Amino acid sequence: MNRLERVRQIVDSILRDVADPEDRRCGFVHLYGVSLTATLLARERGLDPDLAAVAGMLHDLVSYESGDPADHGPRSSRRARELLRDVDGFTVEEIDAICSAVAHHSDKAGEHGPFEELLKDADVLQHYLYNTRLAPQRGHEDRRARLLEALPALDTPE
């Protein structure tokens, strides 16, 4: 089994243990959605799609696992590091890149490296693509507008 599928298997087992069925559903939809969106953006931007997919799978994991979204970026980053150390095939540098992206993904206004920005964009796009009629989440407005301007095929008429 390749490393991405191993990470998905671990995430699936964590999400299956989420007690609330709606939270469980949201976890599967959001984590897989961000993972797939990150993969697409990584291919477009010349970044590693495998690492992008893994970062997307792990970016909000602690929120679903604990039921507590507080400070979830840094907390999910620490949890990701724990999980990735046990999955064969990741270098220390790859784990560092994934964990940095996860740690910074909630800081939508800040500017970080290309991989961190990719995960932020994937997170915003997943929320948008889930239901294009919903208003952007607070703090996502500017980033979403920039993404839709850069990717006009995704913009839908209101």
N, C-alpha and C. Protein backbone atom coordinates (compact mmCIF):
# COMPACT_ATOMS: atom_id res chain seq x y z
N MET A 1 0.86 -1.18 0.00
CA MET A 1 0.00 0.00 0.00
C MET A 1 0.90 1.24 0.00
N ASN A 2 0.57 2.20 -0.87
CA ASN A 2 1.42 3.39 -0.90
C ASN A 2 1.11 4.31 0.29
N ARG A 3 1.96 5.27 0.48
CA ARG A 3 1.88 6.10 1.69
C ARG A 3 0.62 6.95 1.75
N LEU A 4 0.13 7.47 0.63
CA LEU A 4 -1.11 8.24 0.65
C LEU A 4 -2.28 7.36 1.08
N GLU A 5 -2.35 6.17 0.53
CA GLU A 5 -3.45 5.27 0.92
C GLU A 5 -3.35 4.87 2.38
N ARG A 6 -2.14 4.73 2.89
CA ARG A 6 -1.96 4.42 4.32
C ARG A 6 -2.47 5.57 5.18
N VAL A 7 -2.16 6.81 4.78
CA VAL A 7 -2.66 7.98 5.53
C VAL A 7 -4.19 8.01 5.47
N ARG A 8 -4.75 7.77 4.30
CA ARG A 8 -6.21 7.76 4.19
C ARG A 8 -6.83 6.69 5.08
N GLN A 9 -6.19 5.54 5.14
CA GLN A 9 -6.68 4.45 5.99
C GLN A 9 -6.69 4.89 7.46
N ILE A 10 -5.64 5.55 7.90
CA ILE A 10 -5.56 6.04 9.28
C ILE A 10 -6.63 7.09 9.54
N VAL A 11 -6.77 8.04 8.63
CA VAL A 11 -7.77 9.10 8.78
C VAL A 11 -9.17 8.49 8.80
N ASP A 12 -9.43 7.55 7.91
CA ASP A 12 -10.74 6.89 7.88
C ASP A 12 -11.06 6.24 9.21
N SER A 13 -10.08 5.57 9.80
CA SER A 13 -10.34 4.89 11.08
C SER A 13 -10.62 5.90 12.19
N ILE A 14 -9.96 7.05 12.15
CA ILE A 14 -10.22 8.11 13.13
C ILE A 14 -11.62 8.68 12.93
N LEU A 15 -11.96 8.97 11.67
CA LEU A 15 -13.28 9.55 11.40
C LEU A 15 -14.42 8.58 11.71
N ARG A 16 -14.21 7.30 11.49
CA ARG A 16 -15.26 6.32 11.81
C ARG A 16 -15.59 6.32 13.30
N ASP A 17 -14.64 6.76 14.13
CA ASP A 17 -14.87 6.81 15.57
C ASP A 17 -15.53 8.10 16.04
N VAL A 18 -15.78 9.05 15.13
CA VAL A 18 -16.45 10.29 15.51
C VAL A 18 -17.90 9.94 15.84
N ALA A 19 -18.33 10.29 17.05
CA ALA A 19 -19.64 9.86 17.55
C ALA A 19 -20.81 10.48 16.79
N ASP A 20 -20.75 11.77 16.52
CA ASP A 20 -21.85 12.45 15.87
C ASP A 20 -21.84 12.16 14.37
N PRO A 21 -22.93 11.61 13.83
CA PRO A 21 -22.95 11.24 12.41
C PRO A 21 -22.75 12.43 11.47
N GLU A 22 -23.26 13.59 11.82
CA GLU A 22 -23.08 14.77 10.97
C GLU A 22 -21.63 15.25 11.00
N ASP A 23 -21.01 15.25 12.16
CA ASP A 23 -19.59 15.61 12.25
C ASP A 23 -18.74 14.61 11.46
N ARG A 24 -19.09 13.33 11.56
CA ARG A 24 -18.37 12.30 10.83
C ARG A 24 -18.49 12.53 9.32
N ARG A 25 -19.70 12.79 8.85
CA ARG A 25 -19.93 13.06 7.42
C ARG A 25 -19.14 14.27 6.98
N CYS A 26 -19.21 15.35 7.76
CA CYS A 26 -18.47 16.57 7.42
C CYS A 26 -16.97 16.31 7.37
N GLY A 27 -16.48 15.48 8.28
CA GLY A 27 -15.05 15.15 8.28
C GLY A 27 -14.63 14.45 7.00
N PHE A 28 -15.39 13.45 6.60
CA PHE A 28 -15.06 12.75 5.36
C PHE A 28 -15.14 13.69 4.16
N VAL A 29 -16.22 14.44 4.06
CA VAL A 29 -16.40 15.34 2.91
C VAL A 29 -15.29 16.38 2.86
N HIS A 30 -15.03 17.02 3.99
CA HIS A 30 -14.07 18.13 3.98
C HIS A 30 -12.63 17.65 3.81
N LEU A 31 -12.21 16.64 4.55
CA LEU A 31 -10.82 16.21 4.45
C LEU A 31 -10.51 15.62 3.08
N TYR A 32 -11.41 14.80 2.55
CA TYR A 32 -11.18 14.28 1.20
C TYR A 32 -11.29 15.38 0.16
N GLY A 33 -12.22 16.30 0.35
CA GLY A 33 -12.37 17.40 -0.60
C GLY A 33 -11.15 18.29 -0.67
N VAL A 34 -10.61 18.65 0.49
CA VAL A 34 -9.40 19.47 0.52
C VAL A 34 -8.22 18.68 -0.06
N SER A 35 -8.14 17.40 0.24
CA SER A 35 -7.06 16.58 -0.28
C SER A 35 -7.09 16.55 -1.81
N LEU A 36 -8.26 16.33 -2.38
CA LEU A 36 -8.37 16.28 -3.85
C LEU A 36 -8.11 17.64 -4.48
N THR A 37 -8.62 18.68 -3.87
CA THR A 37 -8.40 20.04 -4.39
C THR A 37 -6.92 20.40 -4.30
N ALA A 38 -6.28 20.04 -3.21
CA ALA A 38 -4.85 20.30 -3.05
C ALA A 38 -4.03 19.55 -4.10
N THR A 39 -4.44 18.34 -4.41
CA THR A 39 -3.75 17.57 -5.44
C THR A 39 -3.82 18.28 -6.79
N LEU A 40 -5.00 18.75 -7.14
CA LEU A 40 -5.19 19.46 -8.40
C LEU A 40 -4.34 20.74 -8.45
N LEU A 41 -4.39 21.52 -7.37
CA LEU A 41 -3.61 22.76 -7.32
C LEU A 41 -2.11 22.48 -7.37
N ALA A 42 -1.67 21.42 -6.70
CA ALA A 42 -0.24 21.08 -6.70
C ALA A 42 0.23 20.74 -8.11
N ARG A 43 -0.56 20.00 -8.82
CA ARG A 43 -0.18 19.65 -10.21
C ARG A 43 -0.09 20.92 -11.06
N GLU A 44 -1.02 21.83 -10.86
CA GLU A 44 -1.02 23.09 -11.62
C GLU A 44 0.17 23.97 -11.25
N ARG A 45 0.59 23.93 -9.99
CA ARG A 45 1.65 24.82 -9.49
C ARG A 45 3.03 24.20 -9.48
N GLY A 46 3.14 22.97 -9.93
CA GLY A 46 4.44 22.31 -9.97
C GLY A 46 4.95 21.88 -8.60
N LEU A 47 4.03 21.61 -7.68
CA LEU A 47 4.39 21.12 -6.35
C LEU A 47 4.04 19.64 -6.26
N ASP A 48 4.51 18.99 -5.24
CA ASP A 48 4.31 17.54 -5.10
C ASP A 48 2.85 17.22 -4.78
N PRO A 49 2.13 16.59 -5.71
CA PRO A 49 0.71 16.31 -5.47
C PRO A 49 0.47 15.30 -4.35
N ASP A 50 1.40 14.38 -4.15
CA ASP A 50 1.26 13.39 -3.09
C ASP A 50 1.31 14.05 -1.71
N LEU A 51 2.28 14.95 -1.53
CA LEU A 51 2.38 15.66 -0.25
C LEU A 51 1.18 16.58 -0.05
N ALA A 52 0.71 17.20 -1.12
CA ALA A 52 -0.46 18.06 -1.03
C ALA A 52 -1.69 17.26 -0.60
N ALA A 53 -1.85 16.08 -1.18
CA ALA A 53 -2.99 15.23 -0.82
C ALA A 53 -2.94 14.84 0.66
N VAL A 54 -1.75 14.51 1.13
CA VAL A 54 -1.59 14.13 2.55
C VAL A 54 -1.89 15.31 3.45
N ALA A 55 -1.36 16.48 3.12
CA ALA A 55 -1.63 17.67 3.93
C ALA A 55 -3.13 17.95 3.99
N GLY A 56 -3.81 17.81 2.86
CA GLY A 56 -5.25 18.01 2.85
C GLY A 56 -5.99 17.02 3.74
N MET A 57 -5.54 15.78 3.76
CA MET A 57 -6.18 14.77 4.60
C MET A 57 -6.00 15.05 6.09
N LEU A 58 -4.92 15.72 6.44
CA LEU A 58 -4.57 15.88 7.86
C LEU A 58 -4.86 17.27 8.42
N HIS A 59 -5.19 18.24 7.58
CA HIS A 59 -5.19 19.65 8.00
C HIS A 59 -6.18 19.98 9.12
N ASP A 60 -7.31 19.33 9.19
CA ASP A 60 -8.31 19.58 10.25
C ASP A 60 -8.58 18.35 11.10
N LEU A 61 -7.71 17.38 11.02
CA LEU A 61 -7.98 16.09 11.67
C LEU A 61 -8.30 16.23 13.16
N VAL A 62 -7.55 17.04 13.87
CA VAL A 62 -7.75 17.18 15.31
C VAL A 62 -9.14 17.74 15.63
N SER A 63 -9.66 18.61 14.78
CA SER A 63 -11.00 19.16 15.01
C SER A 63 -12.04 18.05 15.04
N TYR A 64 -11.93 17.12 14.11
CA TYR A 64 -12.89 16.01 14.05
C TYR A 64 -12.60 14.97 15.12
N GLU A 65 -11.34 14.70 15.36
CA GLU A 65 -10.96 13.68 16.32
C GLU A 65 -11.35 14.08 17.75
N SER A 66 -11.15 15.35 18.08
CA SER A 66 -11.40 15.81 19.45
C SER A 66 -12.76 16.47 19.63
N GLY A 67 -13.35 16.92 18.52
CA GLY A 67 -14.59 17.69 18.61
C GLY A 67 -14.34 19.14 19.00
N ASP A 68 -13.08 19.55 19.05
CA ASP A 68 -12.72 20.90 19.48
C ASP A 68 -11.91 21.58 18.37
N PRO A 69 -12.49 22.61 17.72
CA PRO A 69 -11.77 23.28 16.64
C PRO A 69 -10.76 24.34 17.10
N ALA A 70 -10.69 24.61 18.39
CA ALA A 70 -9.78 25.66 18.89
C ALA A 70 -8.33 25.34 18.53
N ASP A 71 -7.63 26.33 17.97
CA ASP A 71 -6.20 26.22 17.67
C ASP A 71 -5.90 24.96 16.87
N HIS A 72 -6.81 24.61 15.97
CA HIS A 72 -6.71 23.31 15.31
C HIS A 72 -5.56 23.19 14.32
N GLY A 73 -5.07 24.30 13.75
CA GLY A 73 -3.94 24.22 12.83
C GLY A 73 -2.70 23.66 13.51
N PRO A 74 -2.22 24.34 14.54
CA PRO A 74 -1.04 23.80 15.24
C PRO A 74 -1.28 22.43 15.88
N ARG A 75 -2.47 22.22 16.41
CA ARG A 75 -2.77 20.93 17.03
C ARG A 75 -2.80 19.82 15.98
N SER A 76 -3.40 20.10 14.82
CA SER A 76 -3.43 19.10 13.74
C SER A 76 -2.02 18.86 13.20
N SER A 77 -1.19 19.88 13.20
CA SER A 77 0.20 19.73 12.76
C SER A 77 0.95 18.76 13.68
N ARG A 78 0.77 18.93 14.97
CA ARG A 78 1.44 18.02 15.92
C ARG A 78 0.93 16.59 15.74
N ARG A 79 -0.38 16.45 15.56
CA ARG A 79 -0.98 15.12 15.36
C ARG A 79 -0.49 14.51 14.05
N ALA A 80 -0.39 15.34 13.00
CA ALA A 80 0.10 14.86 11.71
C ALA A 80 1.52 14.32 11.85
N ARG A 81 2.35 15.04 12.58
CA ARG A 81 3.74 14.60 12.77
C ARG A 81 3.77 13.23 13.45
N GLU A 82 2.94 13.05 14.47
CA GLU A 82 2.87 11.75 15.16
C GLU A 82 2.48 10.64 14.18
N LEU A 83 1.45 10.90 13.39
CA LEU A 83 0.95 9.88 12.47
C LEU A 83 1.97 9.58 11.36
N LEU A 84 2.56 10.61 10.81
CA LEU A 84 3.46 10.42 9.67
C LEU A 84 4.75 9.73 10.05
N ARG A 85 5.18 9.87 11.29
CA ARG A 85 6.38 9.15 11.74
C ARG A 85 6.17 7.64 11.69
N ASP A 86 4.90 7.22 11.81
CA ASP A 86 4.59 5.78 11.80
C ASP A 86 4.26 5.24 10.42
N VAL A 87 4.23 6.12 9.42
CA VAL A 87 3.93 5.69 8.05
C VAL A 87 5.24 5.62 7.28
N ASP A 88 5.55 4.46 6.74
CA ASP A 88 6.78 4.31 5.97
C ASP A 88 6.74 5.17 4.71
N GLY A 89 7.90 5.70 4.34
CA GLY A 89 8.02 6.35 3.05
C GLY A 89 8.10 7.86 3.07
N PHE A 90 7.97 8.50 4.23
CA PHE A 90 8.09 9.95 4.32
C PHE A 90 9.46 10.33 4.87
N THR A 91 10.11 11.27 4.21
CA THR A 91 11.37 11.79 4.74
C THR A 91 11.06 12.83 5.82
N VAL A 92 12.06 13.17 6.58
CA VAL A 92 11.91 14.21 7.60
C VAL A 92 11.51 15.52 6.94
N GLU A 93 12.11 15.82 5.79
CA GLU A 93 11.80 17.07 5.07
C GLU A 93 10.35 17.09 4.58
N GLU A 94 9.86 15.96 4.11
CA GLU A 94 8.47 15.89 3.66
C GLU A 94 7.51 16.06 4.83
N ILE A 95 7.81 15.43 5.94
CA ILE A 95 6.97 15.57 7.13
C ILE A 95 6.97 17.03 7.59
N ASP A 96 8.13 17.65 7.58
CA ASP A 96 8.22 19.07 7.96
C ASP A 96 7.37 19.94 7.04
N ALA A 97 7.41 19.69 5.75
CA ALA A 97 6.63 20.48 4.78
C ALA A 97 5.13 20.30 5.02
N ILE A 98 4.70 19.07 5.19
CA ILE A 98 3.29 18.80 5.44
C ILE A 98 2.85 19.47 6.74
N CYS A 99 3.62 19.30 7.78
CA CYS A 99 3.24 19.84 9.10
C CYS A 99 3.25 21.37 9.11
N SER A 100 4.14 21.98 8.38
CA SER A 100 4.15 23.44 8.28
C SER A 100 2.88 23.93 7.59
N ALA A 101 2.52 23.28 6.49
CA ALA A 101 1.30 23.67 5.78
C ALA A 101 0.08 23.51 6.67
N VAL A 102 0.00 22.40 7.38
CA VAL A 102 -1.13 22.16 8.28
C VAL A 102 -1.16 23.21 9.39
N ALA A 103 -0.02 23.50 9.97
CA ALA A 103 0.06 24.47 11.08
C ALA A 103 -0.41 25.85 10.65
N HIS A 104 -0.14 26.25 9.41
CA HIS A 104 -0.42 27.61 8.95
C HIS A 104 -1.71 27.76 8.14
N HIS A 105 -2.43 26.66 7.89
CA HIS A 105 -3.54 26.73 6.95
C HIS A 105 -4.68 27.64 7.41
N SER A 106 -4.82 27.88 8.69
CA SER A 106 -5.91 28.74 9.18
C SER A 106 -5.59 30.22 9.05
N ASP A 107 -4.34 30.56 8.86
CA ASP A 107 -3.92 31.95 8.73
C ASP A 107 -4.10 32.39 7.28
N LYS A 108 -5.36 32.58 6.90
CA LYS A 108 -5.67 32.88 5.50
C LYS A 108 -5.16 34.26 5.07
N ALA A 109 -5.00 35.18 5.99
CA ALA A 109 -4.53 36.53 5.65
C ALA A 109 -3.01 36.60 5.58
N GLY A 110 -2.33 35.73 6.29
CA GLY A 110 -0.87 35.74 6.31
C GLY A 110 -0.30 35.15 5.03
N GLU A 111 0.96 35.41 4.82
CA GLU A 111 1.65 34.85 3.65
C GLU A 111 2.76 33.93 4.12
N HIS A 112 2.77 32.75 3.55
CA HIS A 112 3.77 31.74 3.89
C HIS A 112 4.34 31.19 2.59
N GLY A 113 4.98 30.06 2.66
CA GLY A 113 5.59 29.46 1.49
C GLY A 113 4.56 28.89 0.52
N PRO A 114 5.03 28.45 -0.64
CA PRO A 114 4.12 27.95 -1.68
C PRO A 114 3.25 26.78 -1.23
N PHE A 115 3.82 25.88 -0.45
CA PHE A 115 3.06 24.71 -0.01
C PHE A 115 1.98 25.11 1.00
N GLU A 116 2.31 26.03 1.89
CA GLU A 116 1.33 26.52 2.87
C GLU A 116 0.19 27.25 2.16
N GLU A 117 0.55 28.08 1.17
CA GLU A 117 -0.47 28.82 0.42
C GLU A 117 -1.37 27.88 -0.37
N LEU A 118 -0.78 26.82 -0.90
CA LEU A 118 -1.56 25.83 -1.62
C LEU A 118 -2.63 25.22 -0.71
N LEU A 119 -2.26 24.84 0.51
CA LEU A 119 -3.23 24.23 1.42
C LEU A 119 -4.31 25.22 1.81
N LYS A 120 -3.95 26.47 2.04
CA LYS A 120 -4.94 27.50 2.34
C LYS A 120 -5.93 27.63 1.19
N ASP A 121 -5.40 27.68 -0.03
CA ASP A 121 -6.26 27.81 -1.21
C ASP A 121 -7.16 26.60 -1.37
N ALA A 122 -6.62 25.41 -1.16
CA ALA A 122 -7.42 24.19 -1.28
C ALA A 122 -8.55 24.17 -0.25
N ASP A 123 -8.28 24.63 0.95
CA ASP A 123 -9.29 24.69 2.00
C ASP A 123 -10.42 25.64 1.60
N VAL A 124 -10.06 26.82 1.12
CA VAL A 124 -11.06 27.81 0.71
C VAL A 124 -11.86 27.29 -0.49
N LEU A 125 -11.18 26.70 -1.46
CA LEU A 125 -11.88 26.18 -2.64
C LEU A 125 -12.82 25.03 -2.30
N GLN A 126 -12.42 24.17 -1.38
CA GLN A 126 -13.31 23.07 -1.01
C GLN A 126 -14.59 23.61 -0.40
N HIS A 127 -14.49 24.60 0.47
CA HIS A 127 -15.70 25.19 1.05
C HIS A 127 -16.57 25.79 -0.04
N TYR A 128 -15.96 26.45 -1.00
CA TYR A 128 -16.70 27.05 -2.10
C TYR A 128 -17.36 25.98 -2.97
N LEU A 129 -16.60 24.97 -3.37
CA LEU A 129 -17.13 23.95 -4.27
C LEU A 129 -18.18 23.07 -3.61
N TYR A 130 -18.14 22.95 -2.30
CA TYR A 130 -19.15 22.16 -1.60
C TYR A 130 -20.54 22.73 -1.85
N ASN A 131 -20.63 24.07 -1.83
CA ASN A 131 -21.90 24.73 -2.13
C ASN A 131 -21.59 26.16 -2.57
N THR A 132 -21.57 26.38 -3.86
CA THR A 132 -21.16 27.68 -4.41
C THR A 132 -22.12 28.81 -4.05
N ARG A 133 -23.28 28.48 -3.54
CA ARG A 133 -24.26 29.50 -3.17
C ARG A 133 -24.06 30.05 -1.76
N LEU A 134 -23.21 29.40 -0.99
CA LEU A 134 -22.98 29.86 0.38
C LEU A 134 -21.97 31.01 0.40
N ALA A 135 -22.17 31.93 1.31
CA ALA A 135 -21.22 33.03 1.49
C ALA A 135 -19.90 32.45 2.00
N PRO A 136 -18.79 33.09 1.65
CA PRO A 136 -17.51 32.59 2.17
C PRO A 136 -17.44 32.70 3.68
N GLN A 137 -16.68 31.81 4.26
CA GLN A 137 -16.46 31.88 5.70
C GLN A 137 -15.72 33.17 6.03
N ARG A 138 -15.92 33.64 7.25
CA ARG A 138 -15.24 34.86 7.67
C ARG A 138 -13.73 34.68 7.53
N GLY A 139 -13.09 35.62 6.90
CA GLY A 139 -11.66 35.56 6.67
C GLY A 139 -11.26 34.92 5.36
N HIS A 140 -12.22 34.29 4.67
CA HIS A 140 -11.93 33.63 3.40
C HIS A 140 -12.26 34.51 2.20
N GLU A 141 -12.93 35.64 2.41
CA GLU A 141 -13.48 36.43 1.31
C GLU A 141 -12.43 36.84 0.28
N ASP A 142 -11.35 37.45 0.72
CA ASP A 142 -10.34 37.95 -0.22
C ASP A 142 -9.65 36.81 -0.97
N ARG A 143 -9.30 35.79 -0.25
CA ARG A 143 -8.62 34.65 -0.88
C ARG A 143 -9.55 33.99 -1.90
N ARG A 144 -10.80 33.81 -1.53
CA ARG A 144 -11.75 33.19 -2.47
C ARG A 144 -11.91 34.06 -3.72
N ALA A 145 -12.02 35.35 -3.55
CA ALA A 145 -12.16 36.25 -4.70
C ALA A 145 -10.95 36.15 -5.61
N ARG A 146 -9.74 36.11 -5.05
CA ARG A 146 -8.53 35.98 -5.85
C ARG A 146 -8.49 34.65 -6.60
N LEU A 147 -8.89 33.59 -5.92
CA LEU A 147 -8.89 32.27 -6.55
C LEU A 147 -9.90 32.21 -7.69
N LEU A 148 -11.08 32.75 -7.49
CA LEU A 148 -12.08 32.70 -8.54
C LEU A 148 -11.71 33.59 -9.72
N GLU A 149 -10.99 34.65 -9.45
CA GLU A 149 -10.50 35.50 -10.55
C GLU A 149 -9.44 34.74 -11.35
N ALA A 150 -8.59 34.00 -10.65
CA ALA A 150 -7.52 33.25 -11.31
C ALA A 150 -8.05 31.98 -11.99
N LEU A 151 -9.17 31.47 -11.49
CA LEU A 151 -9.77 30.24 -12.02
C LEU A 151 -11.22 30.51 -12.44
N PRO A 152 -11.43 31.30 -13.50
CA PRO A 152 -12.78 31.74 -13.85
C PRO A 152 -13.75 30.60 -14.14
N ALA A 153 -13.25 29.44 -14.54
CA ALA A 153 -14.16 28.33 -14.82
C ALA A 153 -14.89 27.86 -13.56
N LEU A 154 -14.35 28.17 -12.38
CA LEU A 154 -14.98 27.76 -11.13
C LEU A 154 -16.06 28.73 -10.66
N ASP A 155 -16.01 29.95 -11.15
CA ASP A 155 -16.97 30.95 -10.71
C ASP A 155 -18.33 30.66 -11.32
N THR A 156 -19.34 30.60 -10.47
CA THR A 156 -20.70 30.36 -10.95
C THR A 156 -21.54 31.59 -10.71
N PRO A 157 -22.47 31.87 -11.61
CA PRO A 157 -23.34 33.03 -11.39
C PRO A 157 -24.20 32.83 -10.16
N GLU A 158 -24.40 33.90 -9.44
CA GLU A 158 -25.22 33.83 -8.22
C GLU A 158 -26.67 33.69 -8.54
